[in-house]
Amino acid sequence: MSDWVAVCAEDDIDPEDVIRFDHAGQTYAVYRSAAGEVFATDGLCTHEKVHLADGLVIDDTIECPKHNGRFNYKTGAPLRSPVCVALATYPARVVNGQIEIAVGEAR
């Protein structure tokens, strides 16, 4: 059973951007694609625990601001070293203009 948690208004995240969301002692990164879809991953890089919300979103990719490792934010897959461990991803949706993520339901 997942707990859906409101993150922010849909318009608070520009297309092809990311924001940081902290909840219950965990940091998440919440993304909005160019097509307006929403996604969520762990908020810290698996390489050196840097906040991904400070990184650069390019297409379906988040680039870590510290060592330029890259992940596919839709799947969590590592794309460029030095990262080699995938990010956990979380279901995300838009309900009545609010972005919600299912915390505790990592994939």
PDB file of N, CA and C in Angstrom:
ATOM      1  N   MET A   1       0.848  -1.180   0.000  1.00  0.00           N
ATOM      2  CA  MET A   1       0.000   0.000   0.000  1.00  0.00           C
ATOM      3  C   MET A   1       0.889   1.237   0.000  1.00  0.00           C
ATOM      4  N   SER A   2       0.643   2.122  -0.900  1.00  0.00           N
ATOM      5  CA  SER A   2       1.476   3.317  -0.988  1.00  0.00           C
ATOM      6  C   SER A   2       0.776   4.512  -0.356  1.00  0.00           C
ATOM      7  N   ASP A   3       1.588   5.408   0.159  1.00  0.00           N
ATOM      8  CA  ASP A   3       1.094   6.668   0.686  1.00  0.00           C
ATOM      9  C   ASP A   3       1.399   7.748  -0.338  1.00  0.00           C
ATOM     10  N   TRP A   4       0.374   8.299  -0.948  1.00  0.00           N
ATOM     11  CA  TRP A   4       0.566   9.387  -1.903  1.00  0.00           C
ATOM     12  C   TRP A   4       0.721  10.686  -1.121  1.00  0.00           C
ATOM     13  N   VAL A   5       1.775  11.423  -1.418  1.00  0.00           N
ATOM     14  CA  VAL A   5       2.093  12.656  -0.714  1.00  0.00           C
ATOM     15  C   VAL A   5       2.138  13.790  -1.722  1.00  0.00           C
ATOM     16  N   ALA A   6       1.461  14.899  -1.396  1.00  0.00           N
ATOM     17  CA  ALA A   6       1.484  16.076  -2.267  1.00  0.00           C
ATOM     18  C   ALA A   6       2.860  16.724  -2.201  1.00  0.00           C
ATOM     19  N   VAL A   7       3.410  17.046  -3.370  1.00  0.00           N
ATOM     20  CA  VAL A   7       4.736  17.659  -3.472  1.00  0.00           C
ATOM     21  C   VAL A   7       4.618  19.154  -3.708  1.00  0.00           C
ATOM     22  N   CYS A   8       3.884  19.525  -4.749  1.00  0.00           N
ATOM     23  CA  CYS A   8       3.761  20.932  -5.135  1.00  0.00           C
ATOM     24  C   CYS A   8       2.724  21.040  -6.239  1.00  0.00           C
ATOM     25  N   ALA A   9       2.441  22.260  -6.640  1.00  0.00           N
ATOM     26  CA  ALA A   9       1.572  22.473  -7.802  1.00  0.00           C
ATOM     27  C   ALA A   9       2.322  22.056  -9.057  1.00  0.00           C
ATOM     28  N   GLU A  10       1.597  21.547 -10.012  1.00  0.00           N
ATOM     29  CA  GLU A  10       2.201  21.097 -11.271  1.00  0.00           C
ATOM     30  C   GLU A  10       3.027  22.206 -11.918  1.00  0.00           C
ATOM     31  N   ASP A  11       2.547  23.426 -11.867  1.00  0.00           N
ATOM     32  CA  ASP A  11       3.238  24.545 -12.503  1.00  0.00           C
ATOM     33  C   ASP A  11       4.465  25.021 -11.727  1.00  0.00           C
ATOM     34  N   ASP A  12       4.690  24.475 -10.524  1.00  0.00           N
ATOM     35  CA  ASP A  12       5.883  24.849  -9.758  1.00  0.00           C
ATOM     36  C   ASP A  12       7.165  24.248 -10.337  1.00  0.00           C
ATOM     37  N   ILE A  13       7.010  23.254 -11.212  1.00  0.00           N
ATOM     38  CA  ILE A  13       8.174  22.660 -11.878  1.00  0.00           C
ATOM     39  C   ILE A  13       8.059  22.967 -13.359  1.00  0.00           C
ATOM     40  N   ASP A  14       9.037  23.665 -13.898  1.00  0.00           N
ATOM     41  CA  ASP A  14       9.049  23.944 -15.333  1.00  0.00           C
ATOM     42  C   ASP A  14       9.272  22.647 -16.108  1.00  0.00           C
ATOM     43  N   PRO A  15       8.796  22.578 -17.351  1.00  0.00           N
ATOM     44  CA  PRO A  15       9.128  21.424 -18.185  1.00  0.00           C
ATOM     45  C   PRO A  15      10.649  21.276 -18.289  1.00  0.00           C
ATOM     46  N   GLU A  16      11.109  20.041 -18.292  1.00  0.00           N
ATOM     47  CA  GLU A  16      12.532  19.689 -18.315  1.00  0.00           C
ATOM     48  C   GLU A  16      13.284  20.297 -17.132  1.00  0.00           C
ATOM     49  N   ASP A  17      12.689  20.138 -15.944  1.00  0.00           N
ATOM     50  CA  ASP A  17      13.341  20.634 -14.740  1.00  0.00           C
ATOM     51  C   ASP A  17      13.108  19.658 -13.597  1.00  0.00           C
ATOM     52  N   VAL A  18      13.735  19.952 -12.461  1.00  0.00           N
ATOM     53  CA  VAL A  18      13.690  19.085 -11.285  1.00  0.00           C
ATOM     54  C   VAL A  18      13.622  19.957 -10.037  1.00  0.00           C
ATOM     55  N   ILE A  19      12.946  19.447  -9.000  1.00  0.00           N
ATOM     56  CA  ILE A  19      12.953  20.114  -7.703  1.00  0.00           C
ATOM     57  C   ILE A  19      13.281  19.079  -6.625  1.00  0.00           C
ATOM     58  N   ARG A  20      13.736  19.577  -5.498  1.00  0.00           N
ATOM     59  CA  ARG A  20      14.000  18.744  -4.331  1.00  0.00           C
ATOM     60  C   ARG A  20      12.735  18.689  -3.474  1.00  0.00           C
ATOM     61  N   PHE A  21      12.458  17.504  -2.937  1.00  0.00           N
ATOM     62  CA  PHE A  21      11.333  17.329  -2.028  1.00  0.00           C
ATOM     63  C   PHE A  21      11.784  16.449  -0.872  1.00  0.00           C
ATOM     64  N   ASP A  22      11.678  16.968   0.336  1.00  0.00           N
ATOM     65  CA  ASP A  22      12.054  16.219   1.535  1.00  0.00           C
ATOM     66  C   ASP A  22      10.788  15.792   2.274  1.00  0.00           C
ATOM     67  N   HIS A  23      10.771  14.503   2.662  1.00  0.00           N
ATOM     68  CA  HIS A  23       9.603  13.976   3.374  1.00  0.00           C
ATOM     69  C   HIS A  23      10.047  12.827   4.278  1.00  0.00           C
ATOM     70  N   ALA A  24       9.679  12.912   5.539  1.00  0.00           N
ATOM     71  CA  ALA A  24       9.919  11.846   6.516  1.00  0.00           C
ATOM     72  C   ALA A  24      11.387  11.393   6.527  1.00  0.00           C
ATOM     73  N   GLY A  25      12.291  12.359   6.477  1.00  0.00           N
ATOM     74  CA  GLY A  25      13.710  12.046   6.570  1.00  0.00           C
ATOM     75  C   GLY A  25      14.357  11.563   5.287  1.00  0.00           C
ATOM     76  N   GLN A  26      13.634  11.573   4.187  1.00  0.00           N
ATOM     77  CA  GLN A  26      14.195  11.155   2.898  1.00  0.00           C
ATOM     78  C   GLN A  26      14.088  12.292   1.896  1.00  0.00           C
ATOM     79  N   THR A  27      15.076  12.353   1.003  1.00  0.00           N
ATOM     80  CA  THR A  27      15.094  13.371  -0.054  1.00  0.00           C
ATOM     81  C   THR A  27      14.738  12.721  -1.386  1.00  0.00           C
ATOM     82  N   TYR A  28      13.837  13.374  -2.097  1.00  0.00           N
ATOM     83  CA  TYR A  28      13.404  12.921  -3.419  1.00  0.00           C
ATOM     84  C   TYR A  28      13.727  14.004  -4.441  1.00  0.00           C
ATOM     85  N   ALA A  29      13.855  13.595  -5.687  1.00  0.00           N
ATOM     86  CA  ALA A  29      13.939  14.524  -6.810  1.00  0.00           C
ATOM     87  C   ALA A  29      12.685  14.297  -7.650  1.00  0.00           C
ATOM     88  N   VAL A  30      11.985  15.378  -7.966  1.00  0.00           N
ATOM     89  CA  VAL A  30      10.740  15.289  -8.722  1.00  0.00           C
ATOM     90  C   VAL A  30      10.927  16.060 -10.019  1.00  0.00           C
ATOM     91  N   TYR A  31      10.619  15.407 -11.126  1.00  0.00           N
ATOM     92  CA  TYR A  31      10.913  15.919 -12.466  1.00  0.00           C
ATOM     93  C   TYR A  31       9.623  16.137 -13.243  1.00  0.00           C
ATOM     94  N   ARG A  32       9.704  17.069 -14.194  1.00  0.00           N
ATOM     95  CA  ARG A  32       8.622  17.266 -15.156  1.00  0.00           C
ATOM     96  C   ARG A  32       9.258  17.219 -16.538  1.00  0.00           C
ATOM     97  N   SER A  33       8.797  16.283 -17.346  1.00  0.00           N
ATOM     98  CA  SER A  33       9.367  16.119 -18.684  1.00  0.00           C
ATOM     99  C   SER A  33       8.885  17.224 -19.622  1.00  0.00           C
ATOM    100  N   ALA A  34       9.494  17.296 -20.790  1.00  0.00           N
ATOM    101  CA  ALA A  34       9.087  18.286 -21.798  1.00  0.00           C
ATOM    102  C   ALA A  34       7.627  18.071 -22.204  1.00  0.00           C
ATOM    103  N   ALA A  35       7.157  16.821 -22.124  1.00  0.00           N
ATOM    104  CA  ALA A  35       5.769  16.501 -22.473  1.00  0.00           C
ATOM    105  C   ALA A  35       4.808  16.731 -21.315  1.00  0.00           C
ATOM    106  N   GLY A  36       5.332  17.147 -20.149  1.00  0.00           N
ATOM    107  CA  GLY A  36       4.481  17.439 -19.002  1.00  0.00           C
ATOM    108  C   GLY A  36       4.263  16.268 -18.060  1.00  0.00           C
ATOM    109  N   GLU A  37       4.876  15.113 -18.337  1.00  0.00           N
ATOM    110  CA  GLU A  37       4.770  13.968 -17.438  1.00  0.00           C
ATOM    111  C   GLU A  37       5.602  14.222 -16.185  1.00  0.00           C
ATOM    112  N   VAL A  38       5.222  13.607 -15.067  1.00  0.00           N
ATOM    113  CA  VAL A  38       5.981  13.770 -13.828  1.00  0.00           C
ATOM    114  C   VAL A  38       6.602  12.441 -13.405  1.00  0.00           C
ATOM    115  N   PHE A  39       7.779  12.542 -12.789  1.00  0.00           N
ATOM    116  CA  PHE A  39       8.559  11.386 -12.353  1.00  0.00           C
ATOM    117  C   PHE A  39       9.216  11.724 -11.030  1.00  0.00           C
ATOM    118  N   ALA A  40       9.596  10.686 -10.280  1.00  0.00           N
ATOM    119  CA  ALA A  40      10.293  10.893  -9.013  1.00  0.00           C
ATOM    120  C   ALA A  40      11.357   9.827  -8.823  1.00  0.00           C
ATOM    121  N   THR A  41      12.492  10.246  -8.257  1.00  0.00           N
ATOM    122  CA  THR A  41      13.584   9.332  -7.930  1.00  0.00           C
ATOM    123  C   THR A  41      14.102   9.682  -6.537  1.00  0.00           C
ATOM    124  N   ASP A  42      15.012   8.847  -6.040  1.00  0.00           N
ATOM    125  CA  ASP A  42      15.762   9.254  -4.864  1.00  0.00           C
ATOM    126  C   ASP A  42      16.387  10.599  -5.182  1.00  0.00           C
ATOM    127  N   GLY A  43      16.537  11.428  -4.182  1.00  0.00           N
ATOM    128  CA  GLY A  43      17.042  12.777  -4.404  1.00  0.00           C
ATOM    129  C   GLY A  43      18.537  12.929  -4.326  1.00  0.00           C
ATOM    130  N   LEU A  44      19.231  11.859  -3.932  1.00  0.00           N
ATOM    131  CA  LEU A  44      20.685  11.928  -3.796  1.00  0.00           C
ATOM    132  C   LEU A  44      21.360  11.002  -4.788  1.00  0.00           C
ATOM    133  N   CYS A  45      22.427  11.480  -5.396  1.00  0.00           N
ATOM    134  CA  CYS A  45      23.214  10.682  -6.334  1.00  0.00           C
ATOM    135  C   CYS A  45      23.735   9.434  -5.614  1.00  0.00           C
ATOM    136  N   THR A  46      23.712   8.308  -6.276  1.00  0.00           N
ATOM    137  CA  THR A  46      24.197   7.062  -5.673  1.00  0.00           C
ATOM    138  C   THR A  46      25.713   7.017  -5.573  1.00  0.00           C
ATOM    139  N   HIS A  47      26.399   7.947  -6.209  1.00  0.00           N
ATOM    140  CA  HIS A  47      27.866   7.959  -6.182  1.00  0.00           C
ATOM    141  C   HIS A  47      28.411   8.665  -4.953  1.00  0.00           C
ATOM    142  N   GLU A  48      28.002   9.929  -4.712  1.00  0.00           N
ATOM    143  CA  GLU A  48      28.550  10.696  -3.589  1.00  0.00           C
ATOM    144  C   GLU A  48      27.487  11.426  -2.780  1.00  0.00           C
ATOM    145  N   LYS A  49      26.218  11.005  -2.927  1.00  0.00           N
ATOM    146  CA  LYS A  49      25.123  11.541  -2.115  1.00  0.00           C
ATOM    147  C   LYS A  49      24.920  13.049  -2.255  1.00  0.00           C
ATOM    148  N   VAL A  50      25.116  13.567  -3.456  1.00  0.00           N
ATOM    149  CA  VAL A  50      24.891  14.981  -3.769  1.00  0.00           C
ATOM    150  C   VAL A  50      23.427  15.149  -4.199  1.00  0.00           C
ATOM    151  N   HIS A  51      22.822  16.281  -3.865  1.00  0.00           N
ATOM    152  CA  HIS A  51      21.425  16.538  -4.234  1.00  0.00           C
ATOM    153  C   HIS A  51      21.280  16.682  -5.753  1.00  0.00           C
ATOM    154  N   LEU A  52      20.491  15.807  -6.332  1.00  0.00           N
ATOM    155  CA  LEU A  52      20.281  15.835  -7.780  1.00  0.00           C
ATOM    156  C   LEU A  52      19.477  17.044  -8.233  1.00  0.00           C
ATOM    157  N   ALA A  53      18.697  17.634  -7.354  1.00  0.00           N
ATOM    158  CA  ALA A  53      17.909  18.812  -7.730  1.00  0.00           C
ATOM    159  C   ALA A  53      18.804  19.992  -8.105  1.00  0.00           C
ATOM    160  N   ASP A  54      20.085  19.935  -7.743  1.00  0.00           N
ATOM    161  CA  ASP A  54      21.039  20.970  -8.151  1.00  0.00           C
ATOM    162  C   ASP A  54      21.667  20.658  -9.500  1.00  0.00           C
ATOM    163  N   GLY A  55      21.258  19.530 -10.095  1.00  0.00           N
ATOM    164  CA  GLY A  55      21.828  19.098 -11.374  1.00  0.00           C
ATOM    165  C   GLY A  55      21.077  19.652 -12.569  1.00  0.00           C
ATOM    166  N   LEU A  56      21.471  19.175 -13.721  1.00  0.00           N
ATOM    167  CA  LEU A  56      20.938  19.646 -15.000  1.00  0.00           C
ATOM    168  C   LEU A  56      20.078  18.568 -15.634  1.00  0.00           C
ATOM    169  N   VAL A  57      18.855  18.934 -16.041  1.00  0.00           N
ATOM    170  CA  VAL A  57      17.961  18.023 -16.745  1.00  0.00           C
ATOM    171  C   VAL A  57      18.103  18.267 -18.241  1.00  0.00           C
ATOM    172  N   ILE A  58      18.391  17.186 -18.971  1.00  0.00           N
ATOM    173  CA  ILE A  58      18.495  17.237 -20.427  1.00  0.00           C
ATOM    174  C   ILE A  58      17.707  16.048 -20.958  1.00  0.00           C
ATOM    175  N   ASP A  59      16.639  16.301 -21.682  1.00  0.00           N
ATOM    176  CA  ASP A  59      15.751  15.240 -22.171  1.00  0.00           C
ATOM    177  C   ASP A  59      15.302  14.378 -20.993  1.00  0.00           C
ATOM    178  N   ASP A  60      15.590  13.063 -21.018  1.00  0.00           N
ATOM    179  CA  ASP A  60      15.180  12.143 -19.948  1.00  0.00           C
ATOM    180  C   ASP A  60      16.303  11.902 -18.949  1.00  0.00           C
ATOM    181  N   THR A  61      17.266  12.798 -18.896  1.00  0.00           N
ATOM    182  CA  THR A  61      18.483  12.590 -18.117  1.00  0.00           C
ATOM    183  C   THR A  61      18.660  13.665 -17.057  1.00  0.00           C
ATOM    184  N   ILE A  62      19.119  13.220 -15.871  1.00  0.00           N
ATOM    185  CA  ILE A  62      19.550  14.149 -14.830  1.00  0.00           C
ATOM    186  C   ILE A  62      21.064  13.975 -14.684  1.00  0.00           C
ATOM    187  N   GLU A  63      21.768  15.104 -14.718  1.00  0.00           N
ATOM    188  CA  GLU A  63      23.219  15.087 -14.560  1.00  0.00           C
ATOM    189  C   GLU A  63      23.569  15.569 -13.159  1.00  0.00           C
ATOM    190  N   CYS A  64      24.325  14.749 -12.435  1.00  0.00           N
ATOM    191  CA  CYS A  64      24.744  15.107 -11.081  1.00  0.00           C
ATOM    192  C   CYS A  64      25.664  16.326 -11.132  1.00  0.00           C
ATOM    193  N   PRO A  65      25.462  17.295 -10.240  1.00  0.00           N
ATOM    194  CA  PRO A  65      26.263  18.518 -10.288  1.00  0.00           C
ATOM    195  C   PRO A  65      27.708  18.342  -9.817  1.00  0.00           C
ATOM    196  N   LYS A  66      28.032  17.230  -9.153  1.00  0.00           N
ATOM    197  CA  LYS A  66      29.380  17.091  -8.601  1.00  0.00           C
ATOM    198  C   LYS A  66      30.378  16.486  -9.592  1.00  0.00           C
ATOM    199  N   HIS A  67      30.061  15.304 -10.118  1.00  0.00           N
ATOM    200  CA  HIS A  67      31.011  14.618 -11.009  1.00  0.00           C
ATOM    201  C   HIS A  67      30.435  14.360 -12.401  1.00  0.00           C
ATOM    202  N   ASN A  68      29.302  14.950 -12.696  1.00  0.00           N
ATOM    203  CA  ASN A  68      28.679  14.858 -14.021  1.00  0.00           C
ATOM    204  C   ASN A  68      28.211  13.462 -14.407  1.00  0.00           C
ATOM    205  N   GLY A  69      28.030  12.579 -13.417  1.00  0.00           N
ATOM    206  CA  GLY A  69      27.397  11.294 -13.707  1.00  0.00           C
ATOM    207  C   GLY A  69      25.966  11.543 -14.133  1.00  0.00           C
ATOM    208  N   ARG A  70      25.418  10.633 -14.894  1.00  0.00           N
ATOM    209  CA  ARG A  70      24.064  10.824 -15.417  1.00  0.00           C
ATOM    210  C   ARG A  70      23.191   9.602 -15.173  1.00  0.00           C
ATOM    211  N   PHE A  71      21.903   9.879 -14.987  1.00  0.00           N
ATOM    212  CA  PHE A  71      20.890   8.847 -14.819  1.00  0.00           C
ATOM    213  C   PHE A  71      19.722   9.142 -15.744  1.00  0.00           C
ATOM    214  N   ASN A  72      19.026   8.094 -16.179  1.00  0.00           N
ATOM    215  CA  ASN A  72      17.731   8.265 -16.812  1.00  0.00           C
ATOM    216  C   ASN A  72      16.737   8.439 -15.669  1.00  0.00           C
ATOM    217  N   TYR A  73      16.102   9.599 -15.553  1.00  0.00           N
ATOM    218  CA  TYR A  73      15.224   9.836 -14.413  1.00  0.00           C
ATOM    219  C   TYR A  73      13.906   9.083 -14.525  1.00  0.00           C
ATOM    220  N   LYS A  74      13.564   8.573 -15.711  1.00  0.00           N
ATOM    221  CA  LYS A  74      12.336   7.799 -15.860  1.00  0.00           C
ATOM    222  C   LYS A  74      12.499   6.378 -15.328  1.00  0.00           C
ATOM    223  N   THR A  75      13.703   5.817 -15.481  1.00  0.00           N
ATOM    224  CA  THR A  75      13.957   4.432 -15.082  1.00  0.00           C
ATOM    225  C   THR A  75      14.920   4.310 -13.904  1.00  0.00           C
ATOM    226  N   GLY A  76      15.682   5.367 -13.631  1.00  0.00           N
ATOM    227  CA  GLY A  76      16.711   5.326 -12.598  1.00  0.00           C
ATOM    228  C   GLY A  76      18.033   4.758 -13.073  1.00  0.00           C
ATOM    229  N   ALA A  77      18.109   4.293 -14.308  1.00  0.00           N
ATOM    230  CA  ALA A  77      19.309   3.630 -14.818  1.00  0.00           C
ATOM    231  C   ALA A  77      20.501   4.588 -14.890  1.00  0.00           C
ATOM    232  N   PRO A  78      21.691   4.123 -14.450  1.00  0.00           N
ATOM    233  CA  PRO A  78      22.897   4.939 -14.596  1.00  0.00           C
ATOM    234  C   PRO A  78      23.298   4.983 -16.069  1.00  0.00           C
ATOM    235  N   LEU A  79      23.726   6.156 -16.537  1.00  0.00           N
ATOM    236  CA  LEU A  79      24.051   6.334 -17.950  1.00  0.00           C
ATOM    237  C   LEU A  79      25.502   6.713 -18.208  1.00  0.00           C
ATOM    238  N   ARG A  80      26.159   7.323 -17.219  1.00  0.00           N
ATOM    239  CA  ARG A  80      27.543   7.758 -17.435  1.00  0.00           C
ATOM    240  C   ARG A  80      28.285   7.736 -16.102  1.00  0.00           C
ATOM    241  N   SER A  81      29.500   7.216 -16.172  1.00  0.00           N
ATOM    242  CA  SER A  81      30.310   7.147 -14.957  1.00  0.00           C
ATOM    243  C   SER A  81      30.596   8.565 -14.466  1.00  0.00           C
ATOM    244  N   PRO A  82      30.810   8.709 -13.186  1.00  0.00           N
ATOM    245  CA  PRO A  82      31.186   7.648 -12.260  1.00  0.00           C
ATOM    246  C   PRO A  82      30.018   6.907 -11.621  1.00  0.00           C
ATOM    247  N   VAL A  83      28.769   7.224 -11.954  1.00  0.00           N
ATOM    248  CA  VAL A  83      27.672   6.493 -11.338  1.00  0.00           C
ATOM    249  C   VAL A  83      27.530   5.116 -11.962  1.00  0.00           C
ATOM    250  N   CYS A  84      27.276   4.126 -11.110  1.00  0.00           N
ATOM    251  CA  CYS A  84      27.077   2.770 -11.618  1.00  0.00           C
ATOM    252  C   CYS A  84      25.927   2.061 -10.909  1.00  0.00           C
ATOM    253  N   VAL A  85      25.372   2.682  -9.872  1.00  0.00           N
ATOM    254  CA  VAL A  85      24.233   2.130  -9.149  1.00  0.00           C
ATOM    255  C   VAL A  85      22.993   2.949  -9.513  1.00  0.00           C
ATOM    256  N   ALA A  86      21.922   2.256  -9.871  1.00  0.00           N
ATOM    257  CA  ALA A  86      20.692   2.918 -10.293  1.00  0.00           C
ATOM    258  C   ALA A  86      20.029   3.678  -9.146  1.00  0.00           C
ATOM    259  N   LEU A  87      19.262   4.678  -9.503  1.00  0.00           N
ATOM    260  CA  LEU A  87      18.408   5.397  -8.550  1.00  0.00           C
ATOM    261  C   LEU A  87      17.108   4.619  -8.361  1.00  0.00           C
ATOM    262  N   ALA A  88      16.566   4.632  -7.157  1.00  0.00           N
ATOM    263  CA  ALA A  88      15.214   4.120  -6.949  1.00  0.00           C
ATOM    264  C   ALA A  88      14.247   5.132  -7.569  1.00  0.00           C
ATOM    265  N   THR A  89      13.191   4.644  -8.171  1.00  0.00           N
ATOM    266  CA  THR A  89      12.162   5.509  -8.740  1.00  0.00           C
ATOM    267  C   THR A  89      10.865   5.277  -7.964  1.00  0.00           C
ATOM    268  N   TYR A  90       9.975   6.253  -8.030  1.00  0.00           N
ATOM    269  CA  TYR A  90       8.716   6.219  -7.291  1.00  0.00           C
ATOM    270  C   TYR A  90       7.587   6.632  -8.220  1.00  0.00           C
ATOM    271  N   PRO A  91       6.418   6.010  -8.085  1.00  0.00           N
ATOM    272  CA  PRO A  91       5.285   6.445  -8.895  1.00  0.00           C
ATOM    273  C   PRO A  91       4.979   7.924  -8.626  1.00  0.00           C
ATOM    274  N   ALA A  92       4.607   8.626  -9.677  1.00  0.00           N
ATOM    275  CA  ALA A  92       4.263  10.044  -9.577  1.00  0.00           C
ATOM    276  C   ALA A  92       3.028  10.294 -10.439  1.00  0.00           C
ATOM    277  N   ARG A  93       2.235  11.263 -10.020  1.00  0.00           N
ATOM    278  CA  ARG A  93       1.009  11.571 -10.767  1.00  0.00           C
ATOM    279  C   ARG A  93       0.627  13.023 -10.514  1.00  0.00           C
ATOM    280  N   VAL A  94      -0.312  13.505 -11.334  1.00  0.00           N
ATOM    281  CA  VAL A  94      -0.887  14.825 -11.147  1.00  0.00           C
ATOM    282  C   VAL A  94      -2.371  14.637 -10.844  1.00  0.00           C
ATOM    283  N   VAL A  95      -2.809  15.226  -9.724  1.00  0.00           N
ATOM    284  CA  VAL A  95      -4.211  15.150  -9.311  1.00  0.00           C
ATOM    285  C   VAL A  95      -4.684  16.572  -9.019  1.00  0.00           C
ATOM    286  N   ASN A  96      -5.651  17.013  -9.786  1.00  0.00           N
ATOM    287  CA  ASN A  96      -6.210  18.366  -9.605  1.00  0.00           C
ATOM    288  C   ASN A  96      -5.124  19.437  -9.580  1.00  0.00           C
ATOM    289  N   GLY A  97      -4.149  19.314 -10.479  1.00  0.00           N
ATOM    290  CA  GLY A  97      -3.100  20.313 -10.597  1.00  0.00           C
ATOM    291  C   GLY A  97      -1.965  20.188  -9.586  1.00  0.00           C
ATOM    292  N   GLN A  98      -2.023  19.165  -8.713  1.00  0.00           N
ATOM    293  CA  GLN A  98      -0.982  18.931  -7.706  1.00  0.00           C
ATOM    294  C   GLN A  98      -0.173  17.683  -8.065  1.00  0.00           C
ATOM    295  N   ILE A  99       1.146  17.782  -7.969  1.00  0.00           N
ATOM    296  CA  ILE A  99       1.991  16.616  -8.166  1.00  0.00           C
ATOM    297  C   ILE A  99       2.041  15.838  -6.863  1.00  0.00           C
ATOM    298  N   GLU A 100       1.862  14.538  -6.983  1.00  0.00           N
ATOM    299  CA  GLU A 100       1.943  13.629  -5.840  1.00  0.00           C
ATOM    300  C   GLU A 100       2.927  12.517  -6.175  1.00  0.00           C
ATOM    301  N   ILE A 101       3.619  12.005  -5.148  1.00  0.00           N
ATOM    302  CA  ILE A 101       4.467  10.835  -5.331  1.00  0.00           C
ATOM    303  C   ILE A 101       4.068   9.785  -4.296  1.00  0.00           C
ATOM    304  N   ALA A 102       4.293   8.526  -4.651  1.00  0.00           N
ATOM    305  CA  ALA A 102       3.998   7.408  -3.751  1.00  0.00           C
ATOM    306  C   ALA A 102       5.267   7.096  -2.974  1.00  0.00           C
ATOM    307  N   VAL A 103       5.388   7.676  -1.798  1.00  0.00           N
ATOM    308  CA  VAL A 103       6.572   7.437  -0.973  1.00  0.00           C
ATOM    309  C   VAL A 103       6.505   6.016  -0.433  1.00  0.00           C
ATOM    310  N   GLY A 104       7.645   5.416  -0.257  1.00  0.00           N
ATOM    311  CA  GLY A 104       7.694   4.060   0.262  1.00  0.00           C
ATOM    312  C   GLY A 104       7.415   3.002  -0.767  1.00  0.00           C
ATOM    313  N   GLU A 105       7.199   3.369  -2.003  1.00  0.00           N
ATOM    314  CA  GLU A 105       6.920   2.380  -3.065  1.00  0.00           C
ATOM    315  C   GLU A 105       8.040   2.437  -4.110  1.00  0.00           C
ATOM    316  N   ALA A 106       9.264   2.313  -3.647  1.00  0.00           N
ATOM    317  CA  ALA A 106      10.413   2.370  -4.559  1.00  0.00           C
ATOM    318  C   ALA A 106      10.373   1.221  -5.545  1.00  0.00           C
ATOM    319  N   ARG A 107      10.820   1.540  -6.762  1.00  0.00           N
ATOM    320  CA  ARG A 107      10.932   0.516  -7.803  1.00  0.00           C
ATOM    321  C   ARG A 107      12.380   0.361  -8.157  1.00  0.00           C
TER     322      ARG A 107
END
